[in-house]
Amino acid sequence: MDKDFVPVRTTYYTNYEVIKNIMELYNIEQFDLDCTYSRGLFWKGLPGPKNKTDLTPVTEDTIQADSEDLPFDDESMNSIMYDPPFGVGGKAYKTDKDGSSVIPKRFDLYTTYQLLTDNYYNTLKELYRVTAPGGYVVMKSQDVVSGGKNHFSHVMVMNMAHKIGFYPRDLFVLLAKGRINSFGGRWNTQHHARKYHSYFWVFEKTKPKVKYLF
């Protein structure tokens, strides 16, 4: 037995640790594509993706493309990173007064949960098209409370991927020691537990080995 062997865990505290261990476990030397590249902060300390796309490019080497309609051939990618927005901010959150809508102002969010759902599903279908057989799509997701409803988005994402034809191969949990919130300020009533974690799904383009039916 190798005494230096360190098993890959399901939980880590940084994006770097999660992505590094996914790459190690699934023999990904370099991702072929990040379809939501933004500023590329995911890749600090890691090999950057070979191809970068974003709906609104920030860097000069990022291709402008909708994640639902990518400019790549069928089955041309072996590994893809997909990190979409996870929250819903309503229609006017960017004009809310200071101290309000803190998280929506910091991140690009959807105006309705239905738009989030549609974008996730359509993108996963497009990623299935461009992923080669046996290839991987890594998708980051987080559950969200919107309109007083607790949406377990990571469950929906797994069901979507499974329906499209992916095999949900693995699930990593990214833990947070702190979160931005308005409790103690504008918010004084709580109806759901504050979320201190997000997820990284690893979907493989192969015949699902589990039906996930009750």
N, C-alpha and C. Protein backbone atom coordinates (compact mmCIF):
# COMPACT_ATOMS: atom_id res chain seq x y z
N MET A 1 0.84 -1.20 0.00
CA MET A 1 0.00 0.00 0.00
C MET A 1 0.88 1.25 0.00
N ASP A 2 0.55 2.22 -0.86
CA ASP A 2 1.32 3.45 -0.96
C ASP A 2 0.95 4.37 0.21
N LYS A 3 1.91 4.59 1.11
CA LYS A 3 1.64 5.42 2.29
C LYS A 3 1.45 6.89 1.92
N ASP A 4 1.92 7.29 0.72
CA ASP A 4 1.78 8.68 0.29
C ASP A 4 0.48 8.95 -0.46
N PHE A 5 -0.30 7.88 -0.66
CA PHE A 5 -1.55 8.04 -1.41
C PHE A 5 -2.56 8.87 -0.62
N VAL A 6 -3.10 9.90 -1.27
CA VAL A 6 -4.11 10.76 -0.64
C VAL A 6 -5.38 10.66 -1.48
N PRO A 7 -6.45 10.11 -0.94
CA PRO A 7 -7.67 9.95 -1.74
C PRO A 7 -8.33 11.30 -2.04
N VAL A 8 -8.96 11.36 -3.20
CA VAL A 8 -9.73 12.55 -3.55
C VAL A 8 -11.01 12.55 -2.74
N ARG A 9 -11.31 13.69 -2.08
CA ARG A 9 -12.49 13.79 -1.24
C ARG A 9 -13.64 14.43 -2.01
N THR A 10 -14.80 14.43 -1.40
CA THR A 10 -15.96 15.09 -2.00
C THR A 10 -16.07 16.54 -1.57
N THR A 11 -15.39 16.95 -0.51
CA THR A 11 -15.54 18.31 0.02
C THR A 11 -14.21 19.05 0.08
N TYR A 12 -14.27 20.33 -0.33
CA TYR A 12 -13.11 21.22 -0.27
C TYR A 12 -13.61 22.64 0.00
N TYR A 13 -12.65 23.55 0.27
CA TYR A 13 -13.02 24.92 0.62
C TYR A 13 -12.68 25.95 -0.47
N THR A 14 -12.06 25.52 -1.57
CA THR A 14 -11.75 26.46 -2.64
C THR A 14 -12.05 25.84 -4.00
N ASN A 15 -12.39 26.70 -4.97
CA ASN A 15 -12.58 26.23 -6.34
C ASN A 15 -11.34 25.52 -6.84
N TYR A 16 -10.19 26.09 -6.51
CA TYR A 16 -8.91 25.51 -6.95
C TYR A 16 -8.79 24.05 -6.52
N GLU A 17 -9.09 23.77 -5.25
CA GLU A 17 -8.96 22.40 -4.75
C GLU A 17 -9.93 21.46 -5.44
N VAL A 18 -11.16 21.91 -5.63
CA VAL A 18 -12.15 21.06 -6.28
C VAL A 18 -11.73 20.74 -7.71
N ILE A 19 -11.41 21.78 -8.48
CA ILE A 19 -11.08 21.58 -9.89
C ILE A 19 -9.79 20.76 -10.04
N LYS A 20 -8.80 21.06 -9.21
CA LYS A 20 -7.53 20.32 -9.26
C LYS A 20 -7.77 18.83 -9.04
N ASN A 21 -8.61 18.50 -8.07
CA ASN A 21 -8.84 17.09 -7.75
C ASN A 21 -9.74 16.41 -8.78
N ILE A 22 -10.66 17.16 -9.38
CA ILE A 22 -11.44 16.60 -10.48
C ILE A 22 -10.50 16.26 -11.65
N MET A 23 -9.60 17.18 -11.96
CA MET A 23 -8.66 16.95 -13.05
C MET A 23 -7.77 15.75 -12.76
N GLU A 24 -7.34 15.62 -11.52
CA GLU A 24 -6.47 14.50 -11.14
C GLU A 24 -7.23 13.18 -11.22
N LEU A 25 -8.46 13.16 -10.70
CA LEU A 25 -9.22 11.92 -10.64
C LEU A 25 -9.63 11.44 -12.03
N TYR A 26 -9.93 12.39 -12.92
CA TYR A 26 -10.43 12.01 -14.24
C TYR A 26 -9.42 12.25 -15.36
N ASN A 27 -8.15 12.37 -14.97
CA ASN A 27 -7.04 12.46 -15.93
C ASN A 27 -7.25 13.55 -16.97
N ILE A 28 -7.64 14.73 -16.49
CA ILE A 28 -7.81 15.88 -17.37
C ILE A 28 -6.59 16.79 -17.20
N GLU A 29 -5.71 16.80 -18.16
CA GLU A 29 -4.53 17.64 -18.05
C GLU A 29 -4.87 19.10 -18.27
N GLN A 30 -5.82 19.35 -19.15
CA GLN A 30 -6.24 20.71 -19.47
C GLN A 30 -7.65 20.63 -20.05
N PHE A 31 -8.56 21.46 -19.55
CA PHE A 31 -9.91 21.46 -20.07
C PHE A 31 -9.91 21.97 -21.52
N ASP A 32 -10.74 21.36 -22.36
CA ASP A 32 -10.85 21.79 -23.75
C ASP A 32 -11.63 23.09 -23.88
N LEU A 33 -12.59 23.31 -22.96
CA LEU A 33 -13.46 24.48 -23.10
C LEU A 33 -14.00 24.93 -21.75
N ASP A 34 -14.02 26.25 -21.55
CA ASP A 34 -14.80 26.87 -20.49
C ASP A 34 -15.81 27.76 -21.22
N CYS A 35 -17.10 27.38 -21.17
CA CYS A 35 -18.11 28.09 -21.95
C CYS A 35 -18.73 29.28 -21.20
N THR A 36 -18.24 29.54 -20.00
CA THR A 36 -18.67 30.72 -19.22
C THR A 36 -17.42 31.32 -18.57
N TYR A 37 -16.45 31.69 -19.40
CA TYR A 37 -15.10 31.99 -18.92
C TYR A 37 -15.01 33.24 -18.06
N SER A 38 -15.72 34.30 -18.41
CA SER A 38 -15.65 35.58 -17.68
C SER A 38 -14.20 36.05 -17.60
N ARG A 39 -13.69 36.28 -16.37
CA ARG A 39 -12.30 36.73 -16.20
C ARG A 39 -11.33 35.57 -15.98
N GLY A 40 -11.85 34.38 -15.93
CA GLY A 40 -10.98 33.21 -15.79
C GLY A 40 -10.44 32.98 -14.39
N LEU A 41 -11.14 33.50 -13.37
CA LEU A 41 -10.65 33.36 -12.00
C LEU A 41 -10.60 31.91 -11.54
N PHE A 42 -11.44 31.06 -12.14
CA PHE A 42 -11.43 29.63 -11.81
C PHE A 42 -10.05 29.01 -11.98
N TRP A 43 -9.30 29.54 -12.93
CA TRP A 43 -8.11 28.83 -13.39
C TRP A 43 -6.82 29.34 -12.77
N LYS A 44 -6.92 30.20 -11.77
CA LYS A 44 -5.72 30.69 -11.10
C LYS A 44 -4.96 29.52 -10.46
N GLY A 45 -3.71 29.34 -10.88
CA GLY A 45 -2.89 28.24 -10.37
C GLY A 45 -3.10 26.93 -11.10
N LEU A 46 -3.98 26.94 -12.12
CA LEU A 46 -4.29 25.73 -12.88
C LEU A 46 -4.07 25.99 -14.37
N PRO A 47 -3.92 24.94 -15.17
CA PRO A 47 -3.84 25.15 -16.62
C PRO A 47 -5.15 25.75 -17.13
N GLY A 48 -5.07 26.83 -17.86
CA GLY A 48 -6.28 27.44 -18.41
C GLY A 48 -6.87 26.58 -19.51
N PRO A 49 -8.15 26.77 -19.83
CA PRO A 49 -8.79 25.97 -20.88
C PRO A 49 -8.25 26.31 -22.26
N LYS A 50 -8.30 25.34 -23.16
CA LYS A 50 -7.82 25.55 -24.52
C LYS A 50 -8.71 26.53 -25.28
N ASN A 51 -10.01 26.47 -25.02
CA ASN A 51 -10.97 27.35 -25.67
C ASN A 51 -11.79 28.07 -24.61
N LYS A 52 -12.07 29.36 -24.86
CA LYS A 52 -12.82 30.18 -23.90
C LYS A 52 -13.96 30.87 -24.63
N THR A 53 -15.17 30.73 -24.11
CA THR A 53 -16.30 31.45 -24.66
C THR A 53 -17.08 32.10 -23.53
N ASP A 54 -17.80 33.16 -23.88
CA ASP A 54 -18.65 33.83 -22.92
C ASP A 54 -19.66 34.68 -23.69
N LEU A 55 -20.83 34.86 -23.10
CA LEU A 55 -21.86 35.67 -23.74
C LEU A 55 -21.41 37.12 -23.87
N THR A 56 -20.70 37.60 -22.84
CA THR A 56 -20.13 38.95 -22.87
C THR A 56 -18.65 38.84 -22.50
N PRO A 57 -17.78 38.62 -23.47
CA PRO A 57 -16.36 38.40 -23.20
C PRO A 57 -15.71 39.56 -22.43
N VAL A 58 -14.80 39.19 -21.54
CA VAL A 58 -14.05 40.17 -20.76
C VAL A 58 -12.60 40.21 -21.21
N THR A 59 -12.07 39.08 -21.63
CA THR A 59 -10.68 39.02 -22.08
C THR A 59 -10.62 38.97 -23.60
N GLU A 60 -9.50 39.40 -24.17
CA GLU A 60 -9.35 39.48 -25.62
C GLU A 60 -9.35 38.11 -26.30
N ASP A 61 -8.94 37.07 -25.58
CA ASP A 61 -8.87 35.75 -26.20
C ASP A 61 -10.12 34.91 -25.95
N THR A 62 -11.20 35.54 -25.49
CA THR A 62 -12.46 34.84 -25.27
C THR A 62 -13.38 35.04 -26.47
N ILE A 63 -13.91 33.96 -27.01
CA ILE A 63 -14.84 34.01 -28.14
C ILE A 63 -16.23 34.39 -27.63
N GLN A 64 -16.87 35.33 -28.31
CA GLN A 64 -18.23 35.69 -27.94
C GLN A 64 -19.18 34.61 -28.45
N ALA A 65 -19.89 33.95 -27.52
CA ALA A 65 -20.81 32.89 -27.91
C ALA A 65 -21.78 32.61 -26.78
N ASP A 66 -23.01 32.33 -27.16
CA ASP A 66 -24.04 31.91 -26.21
C ASP A 66 -23.76 30.44 -25.87
N SER A 67 -23.84 30.10 -24.59
CA SER A 67 -23.60 28.71 -24.18
C SER A 67 -24.63 27.75 -24.77
N GLU A 68 -25.75 28.28 -25.24
CA GLU A 68 -26.78 27.46 -25.86
C GLU A 68 -26.53 27.23 -27.35
N ASP A 69 -25.52 27.92 -27.90
CA ASP A 69 -25.24 27.83 -29.34
C ASP A 69 -23.74 28.06 -29.56
N LEU A 70 -22.96 27.02 -29.35
CA LEU A 70 -21.51 27.14 -29.39
C LEU A 70 -20.95 26.91 -30.79
N PRO A 71 -19.87 27.60 -31.14
CA PRO A 71 -19.29 27.50 -32.49
C PRO A 71 -18.29 26.36 -32.63
N PHE A 72 -18.69 25.17 -32.19
CA PHE A 72 -17.78 24.02 -32.25
C PHE A 72 -18.51 22.83 -32.87
N ASP A 73 -17.71 21.94 -33.48
CA ASP A 73 -18.27 20.77 -34.13
C ASP A 73 -18.82 19.76 -33.12
N ASP A 74 -19.69 18.90 -33.59
CA ASP A 74 -20.21 17.82 -32.77
C ASP A 74 -19.06 16.96 -32.23
N GLU A 75 -19.18 16.59 -30.97
CA GLU A 75 -18.24 15.64 -30.33
C GLU A 75 -16.79 16.06 -30.48
N SER A 76 -16.54 17.38 -30.36
CA SER A 76 -15.18 17.89 -30.56
C SER A 76 -14.45 18.21 -29.26
N MET A 77 -15.10 18.07 -28.11
CA MET A 77 -14.50 18.42 -26.84
C MET A 77 -14.52 17.22 -25.88
N ASN A 78 -13.41 17.02 -25.19
CA ASN A 78 -13.34 15.93 -24.22
C ASN A 78 -13.62 16.37 -22.79
N SER A 79 -13.48 17.67 -22.52
CA SER A 79 -13.71 18.16 -21.17
C SER A 79 -14.16 19.62 -21.22
N ILE A 80 -15.28 19.90 -20.53
CA ILE A 80 -15.88 21.23 -20.57
C ILE A 80 -16.22 21.69 -19.16
N MET A 81 -15.94 22.95 -18.87
CA MET A 81 -16.34 23.57 -17.60
C MET A 81 -17.52 24.50 -17.87
N TYR A 82 -18.55 24.40 -17.04
CA TYR A 82 -19.75 25.23 -17.18
C TYR A 82 -20.11 25.79 -15.81
N ASP A 83 -19.97 27.12 -15.66
CA ASP A 83 -20.22 27.78 -14.36
C ASP A 83 -21.23 28.91 -14.56
N PRO A 84 -22.52 28.59 -14.65
CA PRO A 84 -23.52 29.63 -14.88
C PRO A 84 -23.88 30.36 -13.59
N PRO A 85 -24.56 31.50 -13.70
CA PRO A 85 -25.11 32.13 -12.50
C PRO A 85 -26.07 31.17 -11.80
N PHE A 86 -26.22 31.30 -10.50
CA PHE A 86 -27.04 30.35 -9.76
C PHE A 86 -28.29 30.98 -9.14
N GLY A 87 -28.37 32.31 -9.15
CA GLY A 87 -29.43 32.97 -8.40
C GLY A 87 -30.42 33.72 -9.27
N VAL A 88 -31.44 34.20 -8.60
CA VAL A 88 -32.50 34.97 -9.23
C VAL A 88 -32.61 36.31 -8.52
N GLY A 89 -32.51 37.40 -9.28
CA GLY A 89 -32.49 38.72 -8.65
C GLY A 89 -33.68 39.60 -8.94
N GLY A 90 -34.67 39.08 -9.67
CA GLY A 90 -35.79 39.93 -10.04
C GLY A 90 -35.42 40.86 -11.19
N LYS A 91 -36.29 41.77 -11.52
CA LYS A 91 -36.10 42.61 -12.70
C LYS A 91 -35.39 43.93 -12.42
N ALA A 92 -35.39 44.39 -11.16
CA ALA A 92 -34.86 45.73 -10.88
C ALA A 92 -33.77 45.74 -9.81
N TYR A 93 -33.12 44.59 -9.59
CA TYR A 93 -32.18 44.52 -8.48
C TYR A 93 -30.98 45.45 -8.64
N LYS A 94 -30.57 45.75 -9.88
CA LYS A 94 -29.39 46.59 -10.09
C LYS A 94 -29.63 48.04 -9.70
N THR A 95 -30.89 48.44 -9.60
CA THR A 95 -31.21 49.82 -9.22
C THR A 95 -31.68 49.93 -7.78
N ASP A 96 -31.64 48.83 -7.03
CA ASP A 96 -32.03 48.89 -5.62
C ASP A 96 -31.06 49.78 -4.85
N LYS A 97 -31.51 50.33 -3.75
CA LYS A 97 -30.69 51.23 -2.95
C LYS A 97 -29.50 50.49 -2.34
N ASP A 98 -28.50 51.26 -1.91
CA ASP A 98 -27.31 50.68 -1.30
C ASP A 98 -27.70 49.83 -0.09
N GLY A 99 -27.07 48.65 0.01
CA GLY A 99 -27.37 47.75 1.11
C GLY A 99 -28.42 46.72 0.76
N SER A 100 -29.10 46.91 -0.38
CA SER A 100 -30.09 45.95 -0.83
C SER A 100 -29.55 45.17 -2.03
N SER A 101 -30.04 43.94 -2.18
CA SER A 101 -29.64 43.09 -3.32
C SER A 101 -28.13 43.00 -3.43
N VAL A 102 -27.48 42.73 -2.31
CA VAL A 102 -26.02 42.69 -2.27
C VAL A 102 -25.46 41.61 -3.21
N ILE A 103 -26.01 40.40 -3.10
CA ILE A 103 -25.50 39.30 -3.91
C ILE A 103 -25.84 39.48 -5.39
N PRO A 104 -27.11 39.84 -5.74
CA PRO A 104 -27.40 40.07 -7.16
C PRO A 104 -26.51 41.11 -7.82
N LYS A 105 -26.15 42.17 -7.08
CA LYS A 105 -25.32 43.21 -7.67
C LYS A 105 -23.89 42.73 -7.91
N ARG A 106 -23.46 41.76 -7.11
CA ARG A 106 -22.09 41.27 -7.25
C ARG A 106 -21.97 40.24 -8.38
N PHE A 107 -23.05 39.48 -8.60
CA PHE A 107 -23.03 38.44 -9.62
C PHE A 107 -24.14 38.69 -10.64
N ASP A 108 -23.91 38.23 -11.87
CA ASP A 108 -24.96 38.29 -12.88
C ASP A 108 -25.99 37.21 -12.57
N LEU A 109 -27.24 37.61 -12.38
CA LEU A 109 -28.28 36.66 -12.02
C LEU A 109 -29.40 36.67 -13.05
N TYR A 110 -30.27 35.67 -12.96
CA TYR A 110 -31.44 35.59 -13.81
C TYR A 110 -32.56 36.42 -13.19
N THR A 111 -33.45 36.92 -14.03
CA THR A 111 -34.56 37.71 -13.50
C THR A 111 -35.70 36.82 -13.00
N THR A 112 -35.80 35.57 -13.53
CA THR A 112 -36.79 34.62 -13.04
C THR A 112 -36.15 33.24 -12.95
N TYR A 113 -36.73 32.39 -12.12
CA TYR A 113 -36.19 31.04 -11.99
C TYR A 113 -36.45 30.23 -13.26
N GLN A 114 -37.51 30.54 -13.98
CA GLN A 114 -37.79 29.83 -15.23
C GLN A 114 -36.70 30.10 -16.26
N LEU A 115 -36.18 31.33 -16.30
CA LEU A 115 -35.09 31.64 -17.21
C LEU A 115 -33.84 30.85 -16.85
N LEU A 116 -33.57 30.71 -15.55
CA LEU A 116 -32.45 29.89 -15.09
C LEU A 116 -32.63 28.46 -15.57
N THR A 117 -33.82 27.91 -15.34
CA THR A 117 -34.11 26.53 -15.73
C THR A 117 -33.92 26.32 -17.23
N ASP A 118 -34.47 27.23 -18.03
CA ASP A 118 -34.37 27.10 -19.49
C ASP A 118 -32.92 27.17 -19.95
N ASN A 119 -32.16 28.11 -19.39
CA ASN A 119 -30.76 28.27 -19.80
C ASN A 119 -29.93 27.05 -19.42
N TYR A 120 -30.12 26.53 -18.22
CA TYR A 120 -29.40 25.33 -17.80
C TYR A 120 -29.67 24.17 -18.75
N TYR A 121 -30.96 23.93 -19.03
CA TYR A 121 -31.32 22.77 -19.86
C TYR A 121 -30.80 22.92 -21.29
N ASN A 122 -31.02 24.09 -21.87
CA ASN A 122 -30.57 24.31 -23.25
C ASN A 122 -29.06 24.23 -23.38
N THR A 123 -28.34 24.72 -22.36
CA THR A 123 -26.88 24.65 -22.39
C THR A 123 -26.40 23.22 -22.25
N LEU A 124 -26.99 22.46 -21.34
CA LEU A 124 -26.59 21.07 -21.18
C LEU A 124 -26.83 20.26 -22.46
N LYS A 125 -27.92 20.56 -23.16
CA LYS A 125 -28.17 19.90 -24.45
C LYS A 125 -27.07 20.25 -25.46
N GLU A 126 -26.68 21.53 -25.48
CA GLU A 126 -25.63 21.95 -26.40
C GLU A 126 -24.28 21.35 -26.01
N LEU A 127 -24.01 21.25 -24.73
CA LEU A 127 -22.76 20.65 -24.28
C LEU A 127 -22.73 19.15 -24.59
N TYR A 128 -23.87 18.51 -24.53
CA TYR A 128 -23.93 17.10 -24.91
C TYR A 128 -23.56 16.94 -26.38
N ARG A 129 -24.01 17.88 -27.20
CA ARG A 129 -23.70 17.83 -28.63
C ARG A 129 -22.20 17.92 -28.89
N VAL A 130 -21.53 18.84 -28.22
CA VAL A 130 -20.12 19.07 -28.54
C VAL A 130 -19.16 18.17 -27.75
N THR A 131 -19.69 17.44 -26.76
CA THR A 131 -18.83 16.56 -25.97
C THR A 131 -18.62 15.23 -26.68
N ALA A 132 -17.37 14.79 -26.73
CA ALA A 132 -17.05 13.50 -27.35
C ALA A 132 -17.51 12.36 -26.46
N PRO A 133 -17.81 11.19 -27.02
CA PRO A 133 -18.17 10.04 -26.20
C PRO A 133 -17.08 9.76 -25.16
N GLY A 134 -17.50 9.57 -23.94
CA GLY A 134 -16.54 9.34 -22.85
C GLY A 134 -15.99 10.61 -22.25
N GLY A 135 -16.39 11.77 -22.81
CA GLY A 135 -15.91 13.05 -22.30
C GLY A 135 -16.70 13.51 -21.08
N TYR A 136 -16.22 14.60 -20.47
CA TYR A 136 -16.80 15.09 -19.22
C TYR A 136 -17.26 16.54 -19.33
N VAL A 137 -18.38 16.82 -18.69
CA VAL A 137 -18.83 18.18 -18.46
C VAL A 137 -18.88 18.40 -16.95
N VAL A 138 -18.14 19.39 -16.49
CA VAL A 138 -18.15 19.75 -15.07
C VAL A 138 -19.01 21.00 -14.93
N MET A 139 -20.05 20.92 -14.13
CA MET A 139 -20.97 22.04 -13.97
C MET A 139 -21.08 22.44 -12.50
N LYS A 140 -20.86 23.73 -12.24
CA LYS A 140 -21.03 24.23 -10.88
C LYS A 140 -22.46 24.71 -10.70
N SER A 141 -23.05 24.38 -9.55
CA SER A 141 -24.42 24.82 -9.28
C SER A 141 -24.58 25.10 -7.79
N GLN A 142 -25.60 25.86 -7.48
CA GLN A 142 -25.90 26.15 -6.08
C GLN A 142 -27.41 26.27 -5.93
N ASP A 143 -27.93 25.75 -4.85
CA ASP A 143 -29.35 25.89 -4.55
C ASP A 143 -29.63 27.34 -4.17
N VAL A 144 -30.87 27.75 -4.34
CA VAL A 144 -31.20 29.16 -4.10
C VAL A 144 -32.62 29.30 -3.57
N VAL A 145 -32.81 30.28 -2.70
CA VAL A 145 -34.14 30.66 -2.25
C VAL A 145 -34.58 31.85 -3.09
N SER A 146 -35.71 31.72 -3.75
CA SER A 146 -36.23 32.80 -4.59
C SER A 146 -37.74 32.90 -4.39
N GLY A 147 -38.20 34.10 -4.11
CA GLY A 147 -39.63 34.29 -3.89
C GLY A 147 -40.16 33.49 -2.73
N GLY A 148 -39.33 33.27 -1.73
CA GLY A 148 -39.73 32.50 -0.56
C GLY A 148 -39.74 31.00 -0.78
N LYS A 149 -39.28 30.56 -1.95
CA LYS A 149 -39.25 29.13 -2.26
C LYS A 149 -37.82 28.62 -2.31
N ASN A 150 -37.61 27.46 -1.73
CA ASN A 150 -36.28 26.86 -1.67
C ASN A 150 -36.11 25.94 -2.88
N HIS A 151 -35.30 26.38 -3.85
CA HIS A 151 -35.08 25.60 -5.07
C HIS A 151 -33.81 24.76 -4.94
N PHE A 152 -33.96 23.44 -4.97
CA PHE A 152 -32.80 22.56 -4.92
C PHE A 152 -32.29 22.36 -6.35
N SER A 153 -31.61 23.38 -6.83
CA SER A 153 -31.19 23.41 -8.23
C SER A 153 -30.27 22.26 -8.60
N HIS A 154 -29.42 21.83 -7.67
CA HIS A 154 -28.46 20.78 -8.01
C HIS A 154 -29.18 19.45 -8.31
N VAL A 155 -30.35 19.24 -7.70
CA VAL A 155 -31.13 18.04 -7.99
C VAL A 155 -31.73 18.16 -9.38
N MET A 156 -32.29 19.34 -9.69
CA MET A 156 -32.84 19.59 -11.02
C MET A 156 -31.77 19.40 -12.09
N VAL A 157 -30.57 19.91 -11.83
CA VAL A 157 -29.47 19.80 -12.79
C VAL A 157 -29.14 18.34 -13.08
N MET A 158 -29.08 17.50 -12.03
CA MET A 158 -28.80 16.09 -12.24
C MET A 158 -29.87 15.44 -13.09
N ASN A 159 -31.14 15.75 -12.79
CA ASN A 159 -32.24 15.18 -13.56
C ASN A 159 -32.20 15.61 -15.01
N MET A 160 -31.88 16.88 -15.25
CA MET A 160 -31.74 17.38 -16.61
C MET A 160 -30.66 16.61 -17.36
N ALA A 161 -29.49 16.54 -16.76
CA ALA A 161 -28.35 15.89 -17.41
C ALA A 161 -28.66 14.42 -17.70
N HIS A 162 -29.28 13.76 -16.77
CA HIS A 162 -29.62 12.35 -16.93
C HIS A 162 -30.63 12.18 -18.08
N LYS A 163 -31.61 13.06 -18.16
CA LYS A 163 -32.61 13.00 -19.23
C LYS A 163 -31.97 13.21 -20.60
N ILE A 164 -31.00 14.11 -20.65
CA ILE A 164 -30.33 14.41 -21.92
C ILE A 164 -29.46 13.24 -22.38
N GLY A 165 -28.95 12.46 -21.42
CA GLY A 165 -28.15 11.30 -21.78
C GLY A 165 -26.82 11.19 -21.05
N PHE A 166 -26.49 12.19 -20.23
CA PHE A 166 -25.26 12.14 -19.45
C PHE A 166 -25.38 11.12 -18.31
N TYR A 167 -24.25 10.61 -17.88
CA TYR A 167 -24.17 9.80 -16.66
C TYR A 167 -23.66 10.69 -15.54
N PRO A 168 -24.44 10.93 -14.48
CA PRO A 168 -23.95 11.72 -13.33
C PRO A 168 -22.87 10.92 -12.61
N ARG A 169 -21.63 11.22 -12.97
CA ARG A 169 -20.50 10.39 -12.52
C ARG A 169 -20.04 10.72 -11.11
N ASP A 170 -20.08 12.01 -10.75
CA ASP A 170 -19.56 12.39 -9.44
C ASP A 170 -20.16 13.72 -8.99
N LEU A 171 -20.08 13.97 -7.69
CA LEU A 171 -20.58 15.21 -7.11
C LEU A 171 -19.63 15.69 -6.02
N PHE A 172 -19.11 16.91 -6.19
CA PHE A 172 -18.22 17.52 -5.21
C PHE A 172 -18.97 18.67 -4.53
N VAL A 173 -18.63 18.90 -3.27
CA VAL A 173 -19.27 19.96 -2.49
C VAL A 173 -18.22 20.99 -2.11
N LEU A 174 -18.45 22.24 -2.50
CA LEU A 174 -17.57 23.34 -2.16
C LEU A 174 -18.14 24.04 -0.94
N LEU A 175 -17.40 23.98 0.16
CA LEU A 175 -17.85 24.57 1.42
C LEU A 175 -17.37 26.01 1.54
N ALA A 176 -18.13 26.84 2.25
CA ALA A 176 -17.77 28.24 2.47
C ALA A 176 -17.74 28.52 3.97
N LYS A 177 -16.74 29.25 4.40
CA LYS A 177 -16.64 29.62 5.82
C LYS A 177 -17.46 30.87 6.12
N GLY A 178 -17.82 31.61 5.07
CA GLY A 178 -18.62 32.81 5.26
C GLY A 178 -19.43 33.10 4.02
N ARG A 179 -20.52 33.85 4.17
CA ARG A 179 -21.37 34.22 3.05
C ARG A 179 -21.82 35.67 3.21
N ILE A 180 -21.99 36.37 2.08
CA ILE A 180 -22.59 37.70 2.10
C ILE A 180 -24.07 37.54 2.42
N ASN A 181 -24.59 38.33 3.34
CA ASN A 181 -26.02 38.30 3.60
C ASN A 181 -26.46 39.58 4.28
N SER A 182 -27.78 39.73 4.43
CA SER A 182 -28.34 40.94 5.03
C SER A 182 -28.98 40.66 6.38
N PHE A 183 -28.71 39.50 6.97
CA PHE A 183 -29.30 39.20 8.27
C PHE A 183 -28.74 40.14 9.33
N GLY A 184 -29.62 40.59 10.18
CA GLY A 184 -29.22 41.55 11.20
C GLY A 184 -29.37 42.98 10.71
N GLY A 185 -29.64 43.13 9.40
CA GLY A 185 -29.84 44.45 8.82
C GLY A 185 -31.26 44.54 8.31
N ARG A 186 -31.40 44.47 6.98
CA ARG A 186 -32.73 44.54 6.39
C ARG A 186 -33.55 43.30 6.68
N TRP A 187 -32.88 42.13 6.78
CA TRP A 187 -33.59 40.88 7.04
C TRP A 187 -33.57 40.56 8.53
N ASN A 188 -34.73 40.26 9.09
CA ASN A 188 -34.82 39.87 10.50
C ASN A 188 -35.59 38.57 10.69
N THR A 189 -36.14 38.05 9.60
CA THR A 189 -36.89 36.80 9.66
C THR A 189 -36.28 35.80 8.68
N GLN A 190 -36.12 34.56 9.13
CA GLN A 190 -35.50 33.53 8.30
C GLN A 190 -36.45 32.34 8.19
N HIS A 191 -36.64 31.84 6.95
CA HIS A 191 -37.53 30.71 6.72
C HIS A 191 -36.80 29.47 6.21
N HIS A 192 -35.55 29.64 5.75
CA HIS A 192 -34.76 28.52 5.24
C HIS A 192 -33.32 28.66 5.74
N ALA A 193 -32.65 27.54 5.89
CA ALA A 193 -31.25 27.57 6.33
C ALA A 193 -30.39 28.30 5.31
N ARG A 194 -29.48 29.14 5.79
CA ARG A 194 -28.55 29.86 4.93
C ARG A 194 -27.58 28.86 4.32
N LYS A 195 -27.36 28.95 3.02
CA LYS A 195 -26.55 27.96 2.31
C LYS A 195 -25.07 28.34 2.35
N TYR A 196 -24.28 27.43 2.86
CA TYR A 196 -22.83 27.62 2.95
C TYR A 196 -22.09 26.60 2.10
N HIS A 197 -22.71 26.22 0.99
CA HIS A 197 -22.06 25.25 0.11
C HIS A 197 -22.62 25.38 -1.30
N SER A 198 -21.84 24.93 -2.26
CA SER A 198 -22.28 24.80 -3.65
C SER A 198 -21.76 23.47 -4.16
N TYR A 199 -22.04 23.18 -5.42
CA TYR A 199 -21.75 21.85 -5.95
C TYR A 199 -20.97 21.91 -7.26
N PHE A 200 -20.19 20.88 -7.50
CA PHE A 200 -19.59 20.64 -8.81
C PHE A 200 -20.04 19.26 -9.27
N TRP A 201 -20.89 19.22 -10.28
CA TRP A 201 -21.28 17.96 -10.88
C TRP A 201 -20.24 17.54 -11.92
N VAL A 202 -19.99 16.25 -12.00
CA VAL A 202 -19.17 15.70 -13.08
C VAL A 202 -20.08 14.78 -13.89
N PHE A 203 -20.42 15.22 -15.11
CA PHE A 203 -21.26 14.44 -16.00
C PHE A 203 -20.40 13.81 -17.09
N GLU A 204 -20.60 12.53 -17.32
CA GLU A 204 -19.85 11.82 -18.36
C GLU A 204 -20.79 11.49 -19.53
N LYS A 205 -20.30 11.67 -20.74
CA LYS A 205 -21.10 11.32 -21.91
C LYS A 205 -20.94 9.84 -22.20
N THR A 206 -21.73 9.08 -21.51
CA THR A 206 -21.75 7.63 -21.67
C THR A 206 -23.12 7.15 -21.20
N LYS A 207 -23.45 5.94 -21.52
CA LYS A 207 -24.75 5.42 -21.12
C LYS A 207 -24.86 5.42 -19.60
N PRO A 208 -25.90 6.08 -19.04
CA PRO A 208 -26.04 6.12 -17.58
C PRO A 208 -26.05 4.73 -16.97
N LYS A 209 -25.29 4.58 -15.90
CA LYS A 209 -25.17 3.28 -15.25
C LYS A 209 -26.19 3.09 -14.13
N VAL A 210 -26.88 4.19 -13.78
CA VAL A 210 -27.93 4.15 -12.76
C VAL A 210 -29.16 4.86 -13.32
N LYS A 211 -30.35 4.29 -13.12
CA LYS A 211 -31.57 4.87 -13.70
C LYS A 211 -32.11 6.04 -12.87
N TYR A 212 -31.80 6.08 -11.60
CA TYR A 212 -32.26 7.16 -10.71
C TYR A 212 -33.78 7.29 -10.73
N LEU A 213 -34.48 6.18 -10.81
CA LEU A 213 -35.93 6.19 -10.77
C LEU A 213 -36.41 5.58 -9.46
N PHE A 214 -37.44 6.15 -8.89
CA PHE A 214 -37.98 5.64 -7.62
C PHE A 214 -39.12 4.68 -7.92
